[in-house]
Amino acid sequence: MKLYFLNEFLGDIRNISVEGMWINARITPSKNIEKFNDFFAAIVDEENDFEETNYNEEWLDDSNWYIIDNENRKKGIYIPAVYPDKEINWRWR
């Protein structure tokens, strides 16, 4: 599987498991993901009050995030949580 934001490839996803509505996996990031590092750090920081106004409006739009599965089908997701250790969690839209 592959993670995309709009038409930008952000990384390969592997080691997928399902826990309720959440999908958990590992991501091998592409260089394109670097500009999102602060955004993802803020999303996963439970001690931080996430300030939407600090981030690009397009990044906050769930319809811009999706996964291409192994059969090349595009599947919409809600904004993913990408952790510094390269764990990724998401829910399907």
PDB file of N, CA and C in Angstrom:
ATOM      1  N   MET A   1       0.836  -1.175   0.000  1.00  0.00           N
ATOM      2  CA  MET A   1       0.000   0.000   0.000  1.00  0.00           C
ATOM      3  C   MET A   1       0.885   1.244   0.000  1.00  0.00           C
ATOM      4  N   LYS A   2       0.298   2.350  -0.442  1.00  0.00           N
ATOM      5  CA  LYS A   2       1.031   3.607  -0.531  1.00  0.00           C
ATOM      6  C   LYS A   2       0.170   4.740   0.009  1.00  0.00           C
ATOM      7  N   LEU A   3       0.792   5.635   0.778  1.00  0.00           N
ATOM      8  CA  LEU A   3       0.117   6.805   1.329  1.00  0.00           C
ATOM      9  C   LEU A   3       0.310   7.985   0.395  1.00  0.00           C
ATOM     10  N   TYR A   4      -0.807   8.708   0.143  1.00  0.00           N
ATOM     11  CA  TYR A   4      -0.768   9.902  -0.699  1.00  0.00           C
ATOM     12  C   TYR A   4      -1.478  11.058  -0.021  1.00  0.00           C
ATOM     13  N   PHE A   5      -0.972  12.244  -0.293  1.00  0.00           N
ATOM     14  CA  PHE A   5      -1.664  13.511  -0.020  1.00  0.00           C
ATOM     15  C   PHE A   5      -1.810  14.178  -1.381  1.00  0.00           C
ATOM     16  N   LEU A   6      -3.057  14.405  -1.798  1.00  0.00           N
ATOM     17  CA  LEU A   6      -3.336  14.881  -3.154  1.00  0.00           C
ATOM     18  C   LEU A   6      -2.585  13.965  -4.124  1.00  0.00           C
ATOM     19  N   ASN A   7      -1.676  14.491  -4.936  1.00  0.00           N
ATOM     20  CA  ASN A   7      -0.939  13.636  -5.876  1.00  0.00           C
ATOM     21  C   ASN A   7       0.480  13.345  -5.417  1.00  0.00           C
ATOM     22  N   GLU A   8       0.782  13.637  -4.143  1.00  0.00           N
ATOM     23  CA  GLU A   8       2.127  13.425  -3.618  1.00  0.00           C
ATOM     24  C   GLU A   8       2.247  12.080  -2.919  1.00  0.00           C
ATOM     25  N   PHE A   9       3.171  11.271  -3.373  1.00  0.00           N
ATOM     26  CA  PHE A   9       3.469   9.988  -2.736  1.00  0.00           C
ATOM     27  C   PHE A   9       4.260  10.260  -1.458  1.00  0.00           C
ATOM     28  N   LEU A  10       3.746   9.788  -0.316  1.00  0.00           N
ATOM     29  CA  LEU A  10       4.389  10.054   0.970  1.00  0.00           C
ATOM     30  C   LEU A  10       5.096   8.856   1.573  1.00  0.00           C
ATOM     31  N   GLY A  11       4.780   7.645   1.099  1.00  0.00           N
ATOM     32  CA  GLY A  11       5.501   6.500   1.639  1.00  0.00           C
ATOM     33  C   GLY A  11       4.800   5.176   1.384  1.00  0.00           C
ATOM     34  N   ASP A  12       5.592   4.105   1.534  1.00  0.00           N
ATOM     35  CA  ASP A  12       5.087   2.742   1.420  1.00  0.00           C
ATOM     36  C   ASP A  12       4.634   2.261   2.789  1.00  0.00           C
ATOM     37  N   ILE A  13       3.504   1.558   2.814  1.00  0.00           N
ATOM     38  CA  ILE A  13       2.920   1.069   4.064  1.00  0.00           C
ATOM     39  C   ILE A  13       3.017  -0.449   4.085  1.00  0.00           C
ATOM     40  N   ARG A  14       3.439  -1.005   5.235  1.00  0.00           N
ATOM     41  CA  ARG A  14       3.597  -2.456   5.372  1.00  0.00           C
ATOM     42  C   ARG A  14       3.251  -2.882   6.797  1.00  0.00           C
ATOM     43  N   ASN A  15       3.257  -4.170   7.045  1.00  0.00           N
ATOM     44  CA  ASN A  15       2.977  -4.737   8.376  1.00  0.00           C
ATOM     45  C   ASN A  15       1.649  -4.225   8.928  1.00  0.00           C
ATOM     46  N   ILE A  16       0.612  -4.399   8.161  1.00  0.00           N
ATOM     47  CA  ILE A  16      -0.703  -3.856   8.484  1.00  0.00           C
ATOM     48  C   ILE A  16      -1.451  -4.759   9.462  1.00  0.00           C
ATOM     49  N   SER A  17      -2.083  -4.135  10.449  1.00  0.00           N
ATOM     50  CA  SER A  17      -2.972  -4.851  11.365  1.00  0.00           C
ATOM     51  C   SER A  17      -4.200  -3.976  11.610  1.00  0.00           C
ATOM     52  N   VAL A  18      -5.275  -4.618  12.025  1.00  0.00           N
ATOM     53  CA  VAL A  18      -6.536  -3.914  12.244  1.00  0.00           C
ATOM     54  C   VAL A  18      -6.936  -4.074  13.700  1.00  0.00           C
ATOM     55  N   GLU A  19      -7.333  -2.946  14.313  1.00  0.00           N
ATOM     56  CA  GLU A  19      -7.822  -2.952  15.685  1.00  0.00           C
ATOM     57  C   GLU A  19      -9.098  -2.115  15.725  1.00  0.00           C
ATOM     58  N   GLY A  20     -10.231  -2.789  15.680  1.00  0.00           N
ATOM     59  CA  GLY A  20     -11.501  -2.071  15.616  1.00  0.00           C
ATOM     60  C   GLY A  20     -11.592  -1.306  14.312  1.00  0.00           C
ATOM     61  N   MET A  21     -11.831   0.006  14.414  1.00  0.00           N
ATOM     62  CA  MET A  21     -11.937   0.857  13.221  1.00  0.00           C
ATOM     63  C   MET A  21     -10.573   1.369  12.753  1.00  0.00           C
ATOM     64  N   TRP A  22      -9.537   1.161  13.548  1.00  0.00           N
ATOM     65  CA  TRP A  22      -8.216   1.701  13.233  1.00  0.00           C
ATOM     66  C   TRP A  22      -7.352   0.690  12.503  1.00  0.00           C
ATOM     67  N   ILE A  23      -6.598   1.184  11.527  1.00  0.00           N
ATOM     68  CA  ILE A  23      -5.603   0.394  10.820  1.00  0.00           C
ATOM     69  C   ILE A  23      -4.249   0.862  11.333  1.00  0.00           C
ATOM     70  N   ASN A  24      -3.404  -0.080  11.721  1.00  0.00           N
ATOM     71  CA  ASN A  24      -2.068   0.220  12.231  1.00  0.00           C
ATOM     72  C   ASN A  24      -1.048  -0.405  11.289  1.00  0.00           C
ATOM     73  N   ALA A  25       0.052   0.283  11.068  1.00  0.00           N
ATOM     74  CA  ALA A  25       1.066  -0.226  10.150  1.00  0.00           C
ATOM     75  C   ALA A  25       2.386   0.497  10.380  1.00  0.00           C
ATOM     76  N   ARG A  26       3.345   0.190   9.521  1.00  0.00           N
ATOM     77  CA  ARG A  26       4.636   0.874   9.488  1.00  0.00           C
ATOM     78  C   ARG A  26       4.729   1.583   8.142  1.00  0.00           C
ATOM     79  N   ILE A  27       5.389   2.734   8.137  1.00  0.00           N
ATOM     80  CA  ILE A  27       5.559   3.466   6.880  1.00  0.00           C
ATOM     81  C   ILE A  27       7.043   3.653   6.600  1.00  0.00           C
ATOM     82  N   THR A  28       7.407   3.436   5.352  1.00  0.00           N
ATOM     83  CA  THR A  28       8.732   3.791   4.866  1.00  0.00           C
ATOM     84  C   THR A  28       8.530   5.094   4.110  1.00  0.00           C
ATOM     85  N   PRO A  29       8.887   6.217   4.727  1.00  0.00           N
ATOM     86  CA  PRO A  29       8.554   7.517   4.142  1.00  0.00           C
ATOM     87  C   PRO A  29       9.374   7.854   2.902  1.00  0.00           C
ATOM     88  N   SER A  30       8.759   8.601   2.001  1.00  0.00           N
ATOM     89  CA  SER A  30       9.489   9.194   0.884  1.00  0.00           C
ATOM     90  C   SER A  30       9.971  10.571   1.350  1.00  0.00           C
ATOM     91  N   LYS A  31      10.792  11.227   0.567  1.00  0.00           N
ATOM     92  CA  LYS A  31      11.265  12.569   0.923  1.00  0.00           C
ATOM     93  C   LYS A  31      10.112  13.571   0.971  1.00  0.00           C
ATOM     94  N   ASN A  32       9.032  13.293   0.251  1.00  0.00           N
ATOM     95  CA  ASN A  32       7.883  14.204   0.207  1.00  0.00           C
ATOM     96  C   ASN A  32       7.217  14.379   1.566  1.00  0.00           C
ATOM     97  N   ILE A  33       7.403  13.443   2.468  1.00  0.00           N
ATOM     98  CA  ILE A  33       6.717  13.502   3.763  1.00  0.00           C
ATOM     99  C   ILE A  33       7.366  14.528   4.707  1.00  0.00           C
ATOM    100  N   GLU A  34       8.596  14.923   4.405  1.00  0.00           N
ATOM    101  CA  GLU A  34       9.352  15.797   5.316  1.00  0.00           C
ATOM    102  C   GLU A  34       8.616  17.096   5.645  1.00  0.00           C
ATOM    103  N   LYS A  35       7.933  17.693   4.677  1.00  0.00           N
ATOM    104  CA  LYS A  35       7.250  18.959   4.941  1.00  0.00           C
ATOM    105  C   LYS A  35       6.084  18.790   5.910  1.00  0.00           C
ATOM    106  N   PHE A  36       5.629  17.545   6.121  1.00  0.00           N
ATOM    107  CA  PHE A  36       4.522  17.269   7.033  1.00  0.00           C
ATOM    108  C   PHE A  36       4.989  16.894   8.442  1.00  0.00           C
ATOM    109  N   ASN A  37       6.296  16.817   8.675  1.00  0.00           N
ATOM    110  CA  ASN A  37       6.815  16.324   9.959  1.00  0.00           C
ATOM    111  C   ASN A  37       6.257  17.082  11.163  1.00  0.00           C
ATOM    112  N   ASP A  38       6.255  18.407  11.119  1.00  0.00           N
ATOM    113  CA  ASP A  38       5.729  19.186  12.250  1.00  0.00           C
ATOM    114  C   ASP A  38       4.227  18.981  12.412  1.00  0.00           C
ATOM    115  N   PHE A  39       3.526  18.875  11.317  1.00  0.00           N
ATOM    116  CA  PHE A  39       2.082  18.635  11.322  1.00  0.00           C
ATOM    117  C   PHE A  39       1.765  17.301  12.010  1.00  0.00           C
ATOM    118  N   PHE A  40       2.451  16.243  11.583  1.00  0.00           N
ATOM    119  CA  PHE A  40       2.214  14.932  12.195  1.00  0.00           C
ATOM    120  C   PHE A  40       2.640  14.912  13.659  1.00  0.00           C
ATOM    121  N   ALA A  41       3.740  15.585  13.983  1.00  0.00           N
ATOM    122  CA  ALA A  41       4.188  15.644  15.390  1.00  0.00           C
ATOM    123  C   ALA A  41       3.119  16.302  16.257  1.00  0.00           C
ATOM    124  N   ALA A  42       2.486  17.348  15.754  1.00  0.00           N
ATOM    125  CA  ALA A  42       1.433  18.036  16.511  1.00  0.00           C
ATOM    126  C   ALA A  42       0.196  17.155  16.658  1.00  0.00           C
ATOM    127  N   ILE A  43      -0.136  16.406  15.618  1.00  0.00           N
ATOM    128  CA  ILE A  43      -1.310  15.533  15.672  1.00  0.00           C
ATOM    129  C   ILE A  43      -1.155  14.462  16.750  1.00  0.00           C
ATOM    130  N   VAL A  44       0.032  13.867  16.846  1.00  0.00           N
ATOM    131  CA  VAL A  44       0.219  12.736  17.759  1.00  0.00           C
ATOM    132  C   VAL A  44       0.631  13.149  19.166  1.00  0.00           C
ATOM    133  N   ASP A  45       0.910  14.429  19.387  1.00  0.00           N
ATOM    134  CA  ASP A  45       1.319  14.910  20.708  1.00  0.00           C
ATOM    135  C   ASP A  45       0.090  15.133  21.585  1.00  0.00           C
ATOM    136  N   GLU A  46      -0.159  14.194  22.481  1.00  0.00           N
ATOM    137  CA  GLU A  46      -1.345  14.261  23.334  1.00  0.00           C
ATOM    138  C   GLU A  46      -1.261  15.373  24.375  1.00  0.00           C
ATOM    139  N   GLU A  47      -0.079  15.892  24.633  1.00  0.00           N
ATOM    140  CA  GLU A  47       0.113  16.976  25.604  1.00  0.00           C
ATOM    141  C   GLU A  47      -0.124  18.349  24.977  1.00  0.00           C
ATOM    142  N   ASN A  48      -0.228  18.389  23.667  1.00  0.00           N
ATOM    143  CA  ASN A  48      -0.306  19.635  22.915  1.00  0.00           C
ATOM    144  C   ASN A  48      -1.756  19.890  22.479  1.00  0.00           C
ATOM    145  N   ASP A  49      -2.190  21.144  22.554  1.00  0.00           N
ATOM    146  CA  ASP A  49      -3.479  21.520  21.977  1.00  0.00           C
ATOM    147  C   ASP A  49      -3.243  21.821  20.499  1.00  0.00           C
ATOM    148  N   PHE A  50      -3.784  20.984  19.647  1.00  0.00           N
ATOM    149  CA  PHE A  50      -3.583  21.131  18.210  1.00  0.00           C
ATOM    150  C   PHE A  50      -4.271  22.403  17.716  1.00  0.00           C
ATOM    151  N   GLU A  51      -3.506  23.275  17.095  1.00  0.00           N
ATOM    152  CA  GLU A  51      -4.018  24.546  16.568  1.00  0.00           C
ATOM    153  C   GLU A  51      -4.146  24.450  15.050  1.00  0.00           C
ATOM    154  N   GLU A  52      -5.362  24.277  14.576  1.00  0.00           N
ATOM    155  CA  GLU A  52      -5.590  24.141  13.135  1.00  0.00           C
ATOM    156  C   GLU A  52      -5.078  25.330  12.344  1.00  0.00           C
ATOM    157  N   THR A  53      -5.139  26.517  12.923  1.00  0.00           N
ATOM    158  CA  THR A  53      -4.729  27.729  12.204  1.00  0.00           C
ATOM    159  C   THR A  53      -3.232  27.750  11.896  1.00  0.00           C
ATOM    160  N   ASN A  54      -2.452  26.873  12.519  1.00  0.00           N
ATOM    161  CA  ASN A  54      -1.006  26.810  12.276  1.00  0.00           C
ATOM    162  C   ASN A  54      -0.640  26.026  11.021  1.00  0.00           C
ATOM    163  N   TYR A  55      -1.644  25.410  10.368  1.00  0.00           N
ATOM    164  CA  TYR A  55      -1.338  24.488   9.283  1.00  0.00           C
ATOM    165  C   TYR A  55      -2.145  24.803   8.028  1.00  0.00           C
ATOM    166  N   ASN A  56      -1.602  24.363   6.917  1.00  0.00           N
ATOM    167  CA  ASN A  56      -2.216  24.545   5.614  1.00  0.00           C
ATOM    168  C   ASN A  56      -3.633  23.955   5.616  1.00  0.00           C
ATOM    169  N   GLU A  57      -4.586  24.726   5.127  1.00  0.00           N
ATOM    170  CA  GLU A  57      -5.982  24.292   5.100  1.00  0.00           C
ATOM    171  C   GLU A  57      -6.160  22.990   4.316  1.00  0.00           C
ATOM    172  N   GLU A  58      -5.407  22.827   3.239  1.00  0.00           N
ATOM    173  CA  GLU A  58      -5.502  21.595   2.446  1.00  0.00           C
ATOM    174  C   GLU A  58      -5.104  20.372   3.265  1.00  0.00           C
ATOM    175  N   TRP A  59      -4.136  20.537   4.172  1.00  0.00           N
ATOM    176  CA  TRP A  59      -3.677  19.415   4.991  1.00  0.00           C
ATOM    177  C   TRP A  59      -4.779  18.938   5.932  1.00  0.00           C
ATOM    178  N   LEU A  60      -5.666  19.845   6.321  1.00  0.00           N
ATOM    179  CA  LEU A  60      -6.734  19.530   7.272  1.00  0.00           C
ATOM    180  C   LEU A  60      -7.978  18.957   6.596  1.00  0.00           C
ATOM    181  N   ASP A  61      -7.973  18.892   5.292  1.00  0.00           N
ATOM    182  CA  ASP A  61      -9.116  18.390   4.526  1.00  0.00           C
ATOM    183  C   ASP A  61      -8.954  16.881   4.310  1.00  0.00           C
ATOM    184  N   ASP A  62      -9.793  16.100   4.985  1.00  0.00           N
ATOM    185  CA  ASP A  62      -9.713  14.646   4.883  1.00  0.00           C
ATOM    186  C   ASP A  62      -9.776  14.137   3.448  1.00  0.00           C
ATOM    187  N   SER A  63     -10.492  14.848   2.584  1.00  0.00           N
ATOM    188  CA  SER A  63     -10.646  14.366   1.209  1.00  0.00           C
ATOM    189  C   SER A  63      -9.337  14.401   0.416  1.00  0.00           C
ATOM    190  N   ASN A  64      -8.297  15.020   0.960  1.00  0.00           N
ATOM    191  CA  ASN A  64      -7.002  15.088   0.278  1.00  0.00           C
ATOM    192  C   ASN A  64      -6.060  13.932   0.635  1.00  0.00           C
ATOM    193  N   TRP A  65      -6.473  13.069   1.544  1.00  0.00           N
ATOM    194  CA  TRP A  65      -5.642  11.961   2.021  1.00  0.00           C
ATOM    195  C   TRP A  65      -6.218  10.639   1.528  1.00  0.00           C
ATOM    196  N   TYR A  66      -5.354   9.782   1.018  1.00  0.00           N
ATOM    197  CA  TYR A  66      -5.828   8.474   0.555  1.00  0.00           C
ATOM    198  C   TYR A  66      -4.693   7.471   0.481  1.00  0.00           C
ATOM    199  N   ILE A  67      -5.103   6.225   0.281  1.00  0.00           N
ATOM    200  CA  ILE A  67      -4.164   5.116   0.158  1.00  0.00           C
ATOM    201  C   ILE A  67      -4.446   4.421  -1.166  1.00  0.00           C
ATOM    202  N   ILE A  68      -3.390   4.042  -1.842  1.00  0.00           N
ATOM    203  CA  ILE A  68      -3.498   3.189  -3.025  1.00  0.00           C
ATOM    204  C   ILE A  68      -3.186   1.780  -2.543  1.00  0.00           C
ATOM    205  N   ASP A  69      -4.152   0.877  -2.716  1.00  0.00           N
ATOM    206  CA  ASP A  69      -3.944  -0.481  -2.213  1.00  0.00           C
ATOM    207  C   ASP A  69      -3.103  -1.298  -3.193  1.00  0.00           C
ATOM    208  N   ASN A  70      -2.875  -2.550  -2.844  1.00  0.00           N
ATOM    209  CA  ASN A  70      -2.010  -3.411  -3.653  1.00  0.00           C
ATOM    210  C   ASN A  70      -2.612  -3.761  -5.009  1.00  0.00           C
ATOM    211  N   GLU A  71      -3.886  -3.481  -5.193  1.00  0.00           N
ATOM    212  CA  GLU A  71      -4.533  -3.715  -6.487  1.00  0.00           C
ATOM    213  C   GLU A  71      -4.741  -2.401  -7.232  1.00  0.00           C
ATOM    214  N   ASN A  72      -4.006  -1.360  -6.796  1.00  0.00           N
ATOM    215  CA  ASN A  72      -4.002  -0.031  -7.425  1.00  0.00           C
ATOM    216  C   ASN A  72      -5.340   0.694  -7.312  1.00  0.00           C
ATOM    217  N   ARG A  73      -6.109   0.413  -6.253  1.00  0.00           N
ATOM    218  CA  ARG A  73      -7.367   1.109  -6.007  1.00  0.00           C
ATOM    219  C   ARG A  73      -7.134   2.225  -4.995  1.00  0.00           C
ATOM    220  N   LYS A  74      -7.737   3.368  -5.262  1.00  0.00           N
ATOM    221  CA  LYS A  74      -7.641   4.536  -4.377  1.00  0.00           C
ATOM    222  C   LYS A  74      -8.725   4.435  -3.313  1.00  0.00           C
ATOM    223  N   LYS A  75      -8.312   4.517  -2.028  1.00  0.00           N
ATOM    224  CA  LYS A  75      -9.250   4.431  -0.914  1.00  0.00           C
ATOM    225  C   LYS A  75      -9.036   5.616   0.016  1.00  0.00           C
ATOM    226  N   GLY A  76     -10.094   6.384   0.250  1.00  0.00           N
ATOM    227  CA  GLY A  76     -10.007   7.562   1.100  1.00  0.00           C
ATOM    228  C   GLY A  76      -9.815   7.216   2.562  1.00  0.00           C
ATOM    229  N   ILE A  77      -9.023   8.050   3.235  1.00  0.00           N
ATOM    230  CA  ILE A  77      -8.789   7.899   4.671  1.00  0.00           C
ATOM    231  C   ILE A  77      -8.972   9.253   5.346  1.00  0.00           C
ATOM    232  N   TYR A  78      -9.179   9.205   6.662  1.00  0.00           N
ATOM    233  CA  TYR A  78      -9.110  10.432   7.454  1.00  0.00           C
ATOM    234  C   TYR A  78      -7.630  10.775   7.638  1.00  0.00           C
ATOM    235  N   ILE A  79      -7.331  11.992   8.029  1.00  0.00           N
ATOM    236  CA  ILE A  79      -5.936  12.414   8.216  1.00  0.00           C
ATOM    237  C   ILE A  79      -5.222  11.350   9.053  1.00  0.00           C
ATOM    238  N   PRO A  80      -4.109  10.821   8.554  1.00  0.00           N
ATOM    239  CA  PRO A  80      -3.413   9.767   9.293  1.00  0.00           C
ATOM    240  C   PRO A  80      -2.579  10.327  10.442  1.00  0.00           C
ATOM    241  N   ALA A  81      -2.320   9.470  11.416  1.00  0.00           N
ATOM    242  CA  ALA A  81      -1.387   9.797  12.490  1.00  0.00           C
ATOM    243  C   ALA A  81      -0.080   9.092  12.154  1.00  0.00           C
ATOM    244  N   VAL A  82       0.978   9.859  11.933  1.00  0.00           N
ATOM    245  CA  VAL A  82       2.290   9.295  11.630  1.00  0.00           C
ATOM    246  C   VAL A  82       3.213   9.658  12.786  1.00  0.00           C
ATOM    247  N   TYR A  83       3.737   8.638  13.436  1.00  0.00           N
ATOM    248  CA  TYR A  83       4.578   8.821  14.625  1.00  0.00           C
ATOM    249  C   TYR A  83       6.049   8.882  14.245  1.00  0.00           C
ATOM    250  N   PRO A  84       6.885   9.478  15.109  1.00  0.00           N
ATOM    251  CA  PRO A  84       8.320   9.584  14.813  1.00  0.00           C
ATOM    252  C   PRO A  84       8.997   8.227  14.583  1.00  0.00           C
ATOM    253  N   ASP A  85       8.467   7.167  15.208  1.00  0.00           N
ATOM    254  CA  ASP A  85       9.066   5.839  15.016  1.00  0.00           C
ATOM    255  C   ASP A  85       8.575   5.156  13.745  1.00  0.00           C
ATOM    256  N   LYS A  86       7.853   5.901  12.899  1.00  0.00           N
ATOM    257  CA  LYS A  86       7.333   5.457  11.600  1.00  0.00           C
ATOM    258  C   LYS A  86       6.140   4.524  11.706  1.00  0.00           C
ATOM    259  N   GLU A  87       5.452   4.539  12.850  1.00  0.00           N
ATOM    260  CA  GLU A  87       4.166   3.867  12.936  1.00  0.00           C
ATOM    261  C   GLU A  87       3.146   4.805  12.312  1.00  0.00           C
ATOM    262  N   ILE A  88       2.149   4.234  11.642  1.00  0.00           N
ATOM    263  CA  ILE A  88       1.081   5.028  11.045  1.00  0.00           C
ATOM    264  C   ILE A  88      -0.251   4.389  11.429  1.00  0.00           C
ATOM    265  N   ASN A  89      -1.213   5.224  11.754  1.00  0.00           N
ATOM    266  CA  ASN A  89      -2.561   4.777  12.091  1.00  0.00           C
ATOM    267  C   ASN A  89      -3.540   5.612  11.278  1.00  0.00           C
ATOM    268  N   TRP A  90      -4.617   4.975  10.797  1.00  0.00           N
ATOM    269  CA  TRP A  90      -5.649   5.706  10.067  1.00  0.00           C
ATOM    270  C   TRP A  90      -6.964   4.960  10.142  1.00  0.00           C
ATOM    271  N   ARG A  91      -8.011   5.660   9.722  1.00  0.00           N
ATOM    272  CA  ARG A  91      -9.344   5.069   9.577  1.00  0.00           C
ATOM    273  C   ARG A  91      -9.803   5.325   8.152  1.00  0.00           C
ATOM    274  N   TRP A  92     -10.550   4.370   7.602  1.00  0.00           N
ATOM    275  CA  TRP A  92     -11.105   4.553   6.256  1.00  0.00           C
ATOM    276  C   TRP A  92     -12.250   5.547   6.309  1.00  0.00           C
ATOM    277  N   ARG A  93     -12.429   6.299   5.236  1.00  0.00           N
ATOM    278  CA  ARG A  93     -13.576   7.197   5.119  1.00  0.00           C
ATOM    279  C   ARG A  93     -14.725   6.453   4.502  1.00  0.00           C
TER     280      ARG A  93
END
